[in-house]
Amino acid sequence: MGDAYRDTASREIQVNGRGIPVDSEGYLINLDDWSEEFARTLAQEEGLALTDEHWQVIRFIRDYHHDHRVQPQVRAMIVHFTGKWGAQKGSNHYLHEIFPRGGPQKQGNRLAGIRRTKGEH
């Protein structure tokens, strides 16, 4: 499928008895459909048990997107979380370790209900 189909729902994720449309990679079609329960359900589907650290990253992505109308770059996440968690846990390596399916920009964005970053592969 090409980019023309990116905004077309290819499946639904069941959240509290409601089908939430997502694309083939699990990104929300309608960003207003996001909820913490959606994030928990998608994470479970992706084999990820959400910890407090995951929620901090998810909330950072959502807040950043709300304030700037774009997804945060990994550099911005590294700066923010190095300040909060220290150099080792704020590192690119650690952020990719806790979000093993595409790192914080892919898996993090999916779980935060934010669209795929333009130019990401």
N, C-alpha and C. Protein backbone atom coordinates (compact mmCIF):
# COMPACT_ATOMS: atom_id res chain seq x y z
N MET A 1 0.83 -1.19 0.00
CA MET A 1 0.00 0.00 0.00
C MET A 1 0.86 1.24 0.00
N GLY A 2 0.50 2.23 -0.78
CA GLY A 2 1.25 3.47 -0.83
C GLY A 2 0.71 4.48 0.16
N ASP A 3 1.30 5.67 0.12
CA ASP A 3 0.89 6.73 1.04
C ASP A 3 -0.56 7.12 0.88
N ALA A 4 -1.13 6.92 -0.31
CA ALA A 4 -2.52 7.30 -0.54
C ALA A 4 -3.46 6.54 0.39
N TYR A 5 -3.02 5.38 0.87
CA TYR A 5 -3.87 4.58 1.74
C TYR A 5 -3.56 4.77 3.22
N ARG A 6 -2.62 5.63 3.54
CA ARG A 6 -2.16 5.78 4.92
C ARG A 6 -3.31 6.12 5.88
N ASP A 7 -4.25 6.97 5.45
CA ASP A 7 -5.34 7.39 6.33
C ASP A 7 -6.56 6.49 6.24
N THR A 8 -6.43 5.36 5.60
CA THR A 8 -7.53 4.43 5.47
C THR A 8 -7.40 3.35 6.54
N ALA A 9 -8.48 3.17 7.28
CA ALA A 9 -8.46 2.14 8.32
C ALA A 9 -8.30 0.77 7.66
N SER A 10 -7.39 -0.01 8.21
CA SER A 10 -7.25 -1.36 7.68
C SER A 10 -7.73 -2.39 8.71
N ARG A 11 -7.91 -1.93 9.94
CA ARG A 11 -8.42 -2.83 10.97
C ARG A 11 -8.90 -2.00 12.15
N GLU A 12 -9.49 -2.69 13.12
CA GLU A 12 -9.94 -2.02 14.33
C GLU A 12 -9.33 -2.71 15.54
N ILE A 13 -9.07 -1.91 16.56
CA ILE A 13 -8.64 -2.43 17.85
C ILE A 13 -9.82 -2.27 18.80
N GLN A 14 -10.20 -3.35 19.45
CA GLN A 14 -11.35 -3.31 20.35
C GLN A 14 -10.93 -2.74 21.70
N VAL A 15 -11.54 -1.62 22.07
CA VAL A 15 -11.26 -0.95 23.34
C VAL A 15 -12.60 -0.73 24.04
N ASN A 16 -12.78 -1.41 25.16
CA ASN A 16 -14.03 -1.30 25.92
C ASN A 16 -15.26 -1.51 25.04
N GLY A 17 -15.20 -2.53 24.18
CA GLY A 17 -16.34 -2.89 23.34
C GLY A 17 -16.54 -2.00 22.13
N ARG A 18 -15.62 -1.10 21.88
CA ARG A 18 -15.73 -0.18 20.73
C ARG A 18 -14.57 -0.44 19.78
N GLY A 19 -14.86 -0.53 18.50
CA GLY A 19 -13.82 -0.72 17.50
C GLY A 19 -13.17 0.60 17.16
N ILE A 20 -11.86 0.71 17.41
CA ILE A 20 -11.10 1.93 17.12
C ILE A 20 -10.32 1.69 15.82
N PRO A 21 -10.62 2.46 14.75
CA PRO A 21 -9.92 2.23 13.48
C PRO A 21 -8.46 2.66 13.53
N VAL A 22 -7.59 1.79 13.02
CA VAL A 22 -6.15 2.07 12.92
C VAL A 22 -5.68 1.65 11.54
N ASP A 23 -4.51 2.19 11.15
CA ASP A 23 -3.95 1.77 9.87
C ASP A 23 -3.22 0.45 10.03
N SER A 24 -2.58 0.01 8.97
CA SER A 24 -1.95 -1.31 8.98
C SER A 24 -0.85 -1.44 10.02
N GLU A 25 -0.26 -0.30 10.45
CA GLU A 25 0.82 -0.35 11.45
C GLU A 25 0.32 -0.09 12.87
N GLY A 26 -0.96 0.21 13.03
CA GLY A 26 -1.50 0.44 14.37
C GLY A 26 -1.64 1.91 14.75
N TYR A 27 -1.36 2.82 13.81
CA TYR A 27 -1.53 4.25 14.08
C TYR A 27 -3.01 4.60 14.00
N LEU A 28 -3.48 5.44 14.92
CA LEU A 28 -4.87 5.87 14.91
C LEU A 28 -5.22 6.60 13.61
N ILE A 29 -6.41 6.36 13.12
CA ILE A 29 -6.93 7.11 11.98
C ILE A 29 -7.45 8.46 12.48
N ASN A 30 -8.21 8.45 13.58
CA ASN A 30 -8.76 9.66 14.18
C ASN A 30 -8.06 9.89 15.51
N LEU A 31 -7.24 10.92 15.60
CA LEU A 31 -6.45 11.16 16.82
C LEU A 31 -7.32 11.36 18.05
N ASP A 32 -8.58 11.78 17.85
CA ASP A 32 -9.49 11.97 18.98
C ASP A 32 -9.93 10.65 19.61
N ASP A 33 -9.66 9.53 18.96
CA ASP A 33 -10.01 8.22 19.51
C ASP A 33 -9.04 7.75 20.59
N TRP A 34 -7.97 8.50 20.83
CA TRP A 34 -6.97 8.06 21.81
C TRP A 34 -7.52 8.08 23.23
N SER A 35 -7.12 7.08 24.00
CA SER A 35 -7.39 7.03 25.43
C SER A 35 -6.27 6.20 26.06
N GLU A 36 -6.14 6.31 27.37
CA GLU A 36 -5.14 5.47 28.04
C GLU A 36 -5.46 4.00 27.83
N GLU A 37 -6.74 3.67 27.78
CA GLU A 37 -7.13 2.27 27.55
C GLU A 37 -6.73 1.82 26.15
N PHE A 38 -6.82 2.73 25.15
CA PHE A 38 -6.34 2.40 23.81
C PHE A 38 -4.84 2.07 23.88
N ALA A 39 -4.08 2.92 24.56
CA ALA A 39 -2.63 2.69 24.68
C ALA A 39 -2.34 1.35 25.34
N ARG A 40 -3.06 1.04 26.42
CA ARG A 40 -2.86 -0.25 27.11
C ARG A 40 -3.17 -1.42 26.19
N THR A 41 -4.29 -1.31 25.44
CA THR A 41 -4.71 -2.39 24.55
C THR A 41 -3.71 -2.60 23.42
N LEU A 42 -3.28 -1.51 22.79
CA LEU A 42 -2.29 -1.62 21.71
C LEU A 42 -0.97 -2.15 22.23
N ALA A 43 -0.54 -1.68 23.40
CA ALA A 43 0.71 -2.16 23.99
C ALA A 43 0.64 -3.66 24.24
N GLN A 44 -0.49 -4.11 24.78
CA GLN A 44 -0.66 -5.54 25.04
C GLN A 44 -0.59 -6.33 23.73
N GLU A 45 -1.24 -5.80 22.69
CA GLU A 45 -1.20 -6.44 21.37
C GLU A 45 0.23 -6.51 20.85
N GLU A 46 1.05 -5.50 21.17
CA GLU A 46 2.45 -5.45 20.71
C GLU A 46 3.40 -6.14 21.68
N GLY A 47 2.86 -6.79 22.71
CA GLY A 47 3.68 -7.54 23.65
C GLY A 47 4.45 -6.67 24.62
N LEU A 48 3.92 -5.48 24.92
CA LEU A 48 4.62 -4.54 25.79
C LEU A 48 3.79 -4.28 27.05
N ALA A 49 4.39 -4.49 28.21
CA ALA A 49 3.74 -4.16 29.49
C ALA A 49 4.15 -2.74 29.85
N LEU A 50 3.20 -1.83 29.88
CA LEU A 50 3.52 -0.42 30.13
C LEU A 50 3.92 -0.17 31.57
N THR A 51 5.07 0.46 31.74
CA THR A 51 5.57 0.85 33.06
C THR A 51 5.39 2.36 33.23
N ASP A 52 5.76 2.86 34.39
CA ASP A 52 5.70 4.30 34.62
C ASP A 52 6.58 5.04 33.61
N GLU A 53 7.73 4.47 33.27
CA GLU A 53 8.62 5.11 32.28
C GLU A 53 7.94 5.21 30.92
N HIS A 54 7.25 4.14 30.50
CA HIS A 54 6.52 4.21 29.23
C HIS A 54 5.49 5.33 29.27
N TRP A 55 4.75 5.42 30.37
CA TRP A 55 3.71 6.45 30.48
C TRP A 55 4.32 7.85 30.46
N GLN A 56 5.50 8.01 31.07
CA GLN A 56 6.16 9.32 31.03
C GLN A 56 6.50 9.71 29.59
N VAL A 57 6.99 8.75 28.80
CA VAL A 57 7.32 9.02 27.41
C VAL A 57 6.04 9.29 26.61
N ILE A 58 5.01 8.47 26.81
CA ILE A 58 3.74 8.67 26.11
C ILE A 58 3.17 10.06 26.41
N ARG A 59 3.18 10.45 27.68
CA ARG A 59 2.64 11.77 28.04
C ARG A 59 3.51 12.89 27.47
N PHE A 60 4.84 12.69 27.46
CA PHE A 60 5.73 13.69 26.86
C PHE A 60 5.39 13.87 25.38
N ILE A 61 5.24 12.76 24.65
CA ILE A 61 4.91 12.82 23.22
C ILE A 61 3.59 13.55 23.01
N ARG A 62 2.58 13.19 23.81
CA ARG A 62 1.26 13.83 23.66
C ARG A 62 1.33 15.32 23.98
N ASP A 63 2.01 15.67 25.07
CA ASP A 63 2.11 17.09 25.46
C ASP A 63 2.89 17.89 24.42
N TYR A 64 3.99 17.32 23.93
CA TYR A 64 4.81 17.99 22.93
C TYR A 64 3.99 18.22 21.66
N HIS A 65 3.28 17.18 21.23
CA HIS A 65 2.45 17.29 20.03
C HIS A 65 1.36 18.34 20.23
N HIS A 66 0.76 18.37 21.40
CA HIS A 66 -0.29 19.36 21.69
C HIS A 66 0.27 20.78 21.62
N ASP A 67 1.47 20.98 22.18
CA ASP A 67 2.07 22.31 22.24
C ASP A 67 2.65 22.76 20.90
N HIS A 68 3.23 21.83 20.14
CA HIS A 68 3.98 22.19 18.92
C HIS A 68 3.31 21.74 17.62
N ARG A 69 2.28 20.91 17.72
CA ARG A 69 1.54 20.37 16.56
C ARG A 69 2.40 19.48 15.67
N VAL A 70 3.53 19.03 16.18
CA VAL A 70 4.37 18.05 15.49
C VAL A 70 4.86 17.04 16.52
N GLN A 71 5.32 15.91 16.03
CA GLN A 71 5.87 14.89 16.92
C GLN A 71 7.26 15.31 17.38
N PRO A 72 7.62 14.99 18.61
CA PRO A 72 8.97 15.31 19.06
C PRO A 72 10.01 14.44 18.35
N GLN A 73 11.13 15.06 18.01
CA GLN A 73 12.24 14.28 17.47
C GLN A 73 12.88 13.51 18.63
N VAL A 74 13.57 12.43 18.30
CA VAL A 74 14.23 11.63 19.33
C VAL A 74 15.20 12.50 20.13
N ARG A 75 15.88 13.44 19.46
CA ARG A 75 16.81 14.34 20.18
C ARG A 75 16.11 15.07 21.31
N ALA A 76 14.90 15.56 21.06
CA ALA A 76 14.16 16.28 22.09
C ALA A 76 13.81 15.34 23.25
N MET A 77 13.49 14.10 22.94
CA MET A 77 13.19 13.12 23.99
C MET A 77 14.44 12.82 24.81
N ILE A 78 15.58 12.67 24.13
CA ILE A 78 16.83 12.37 24.83
C ILE A 78 17.17 13.51 25.79
N VAL A 79 17.07 14.74 25.34
CA VAL A 79 17.37 15.89 26.20
C VAL A 79 16.43 15.90 27.40
N HIS A 80 15.15 15.73 27.15
CA HIS A 80 14.16 15.76 28.23
C HIS A 80 14.39 14.64 29.25
N PHE A 81 14.52 13.41 28.76
CA PHE A 81 14.61 12.27 29.68
C PHE A 81 15.99 12.12 30.30
N THR A 82 17.03 12.63 29.68
CA THR A 82 18.34 12.67 30.33
C THR A 82 18.25 13.58 31.55
N GLY A 83 17.54 14.70 31.40
CA GLY A 83 17.33 15.60 32.53
C GLY A 83 16.52 14.97 33.65
N LYS A 84 15.55 14.14 33.30
CA LYS A 84 14.69 13.50 34.30
C LYS A 84 15.29 12.22 34.89
N TRP A 85 15.89 11.39 34.03
CA TRP A 85 16.30 10.05 34.44
C TRP A 85 17.80 9.86 34.52
N GLY A 86 18.58 10.82 34.05
CA GLY A 86 20.03 10.65 33.99
C GLY A 86 20.47 10.18 32.61
N ALA A 87 21.77 10.25 32.37
CA ALA A 87 22.33 10.00 31.04
C ALA A 87 22.07 8.58 30.53
N GLN A 88 22.17 7.58 31.41
CA GLN A 88 22.02 6.20 30.94
C GLN A 88 20.59 5.92 30.50
N LYS A 89 19.61 6.25 31.35
CA LYS A 89 18.22 5.95 31.01
C LYS A 89 17.63 6.94 30.02
N GLY A 90 18.18 8.13 29.93
CA GLY A 90 17.69 9.11 28.96
C GLY A 90 18.28 8.94 27.58
N SER A 91 19.12 7.93 27.42
CA SER A 91 19.83 7.74 26.14
C SER A 91 18.93 7.18 25.04
N ASN A 92 19.37 7.39 23.82
CA ASN A 92 18.70 6.83 22.66
C ASN A 92 18.59 5.31 22.80
N HIS A 93 19.67 4.69 23.24
CA HIS A 93 19.69 3.23 23.40
C HIS A 93 18.59 2.77 24.36
N TYR A 94 18.49 3.41 25.51
CA TYR A 94 17.49 3.00 26.50
C TYR A 94 16.07 3.25 25.99
N LEU A 95 15.84 4.39 25.35
CA LEU A 95 14.50 4.67 24.82
C LEU A 95 14.09 3.63 23.78
N HIS A 96 15.05 3.18 22.96
CA HIS A 96 14.75 2.12 22.00
C HIS A 96 14.59 0.77 22.69
N GLU A 97 15.27 0.59 23.80
CA GLU A 97 15.14 -0.67 24.56
C GLU A 97 13.74 -0.80 25.15
N ILE A 98 13.19 0.29 25.69
CA ILE A 98 11.86 0.19 26.32
C ILE A 98 10.72 0.26 25.28
N PHE A 99 11.03 0.73 24.08
CA PHE A 99 10.07 0.70 22.96
C PHE A 99 10.70 -0.12 21.84
N PRO A 100 10.71 -1.47 21.98
CA PRO A 100 11.45 -2.32 21.06
C PRO A 100 10.90 -2.39 19.64
N ARG A 101 9.67 -1.99 19.43
CA ARG A 101 9.09 -2.06 18.08
C ARG A 101 9.13 -0.70 17.40
N GLY A 102 10.33 -0.26 17.06
CA GLY A 102 10.48 0.99 16.32
C GLY A 102 10.91 2.17 17.16
N GLY A 103 11.21 1.95 18.42
CA GLY A 103 11.70 3.04 19.26
C GLY A 103 10.60 4.01 19.67
N PRO A 104 11.00 5.09 20.33
CA PRO A 104 10.00 6.02 20.84
C PRO A 104 9.28 6.80 19.75
N GLN A 105 9.91 6.95 18.57
CA GLN A 105 9.24 7.70 17.50
C GLN A 105 8.21 6.86 16.77
N LYS A 106 8.36 5.58 16.72
CA LYS A 106 7.36 4.75 16.05
C LYS A 106 6.41 4.15 17.08
N GLN A 107 6.93 3.26 17.92
CA GLN A 107 6.05 2.62 18.90
C GLN A 107 5.52 3.64 19.89
N GLY A 108 6.36 4.57 20.31
CA GLY A 108 5.91 5.62 21.23
C GLY A 108 4.79 6.45 20.64
N ASN A 109 4.96 6.88 19.37
CA ASN A 109 3.92 7.66 18.71
C ASN A 109 2.62 6.86 18.57
N ARG A 110 2.74 5.59 18.20
CA ARG A 110 1.53 4.75 18.07
C ARG A 110 0.78 4.72 19.39
N LEU A 111 1.52 4.43 20.47
CA LEU A 111 0.89 4.31 21.78
C LEU A 111 0.34 5.64 22.29
N ALA A 112 0.98 6.73 21.88
CA ALA A 112 0.54 8.06 22.29
C ALA A 112 -0.60 8.58 21.41
N GLY A 113 -0.96 7.81 20.39
CA GLY A 113 -2.05 8.22 19.52
C GLY A 113 -1.68 9.32 18.56
N ILE A 114 -0.39 9.40 18.22
CA ILE A 114 0.11 10.42 17.30
C ILE A 114 0.46 9.73 15.98
N ARG A 115 0.27 10.43 14.90
CA ARG A 115 0.55 9.85 13.58
C ARG A 115 2.05 9.57 13.39
N ARG A 116 2.30 8.73 12.40
CA ARG A 116 3.67 8.39 12.02
C ARG A 116 4.44 9.67 11.69
N THR A 117 5.69 9.73 12.11
CA THR A 117 6.54 10.87 11.81
C THR A 117 6.83 10.90 10.32
N LYS A 118 6.68 12.04 9.69
CA LYS A 118 6.96 12.18 8.26
C LYS A 118 8.44 11.87 8.03
N GLY A 119 8.71 11.10 7.00
CA GLY A 119 10.08 10.77 6.66
C GLY A 119 10.62 9.55 7.41
N GLU A 120 9.86 9.03 8.37
CA GLU A 120 10.31 7.82 9.06
C GLU A 120 10.12 6.63 8.15
N HIS A 121 10.95 5.64 8.28
CA HIS A 121 10.82 4.45 7.46
C HIS A 121 10.39 3.27 8.32
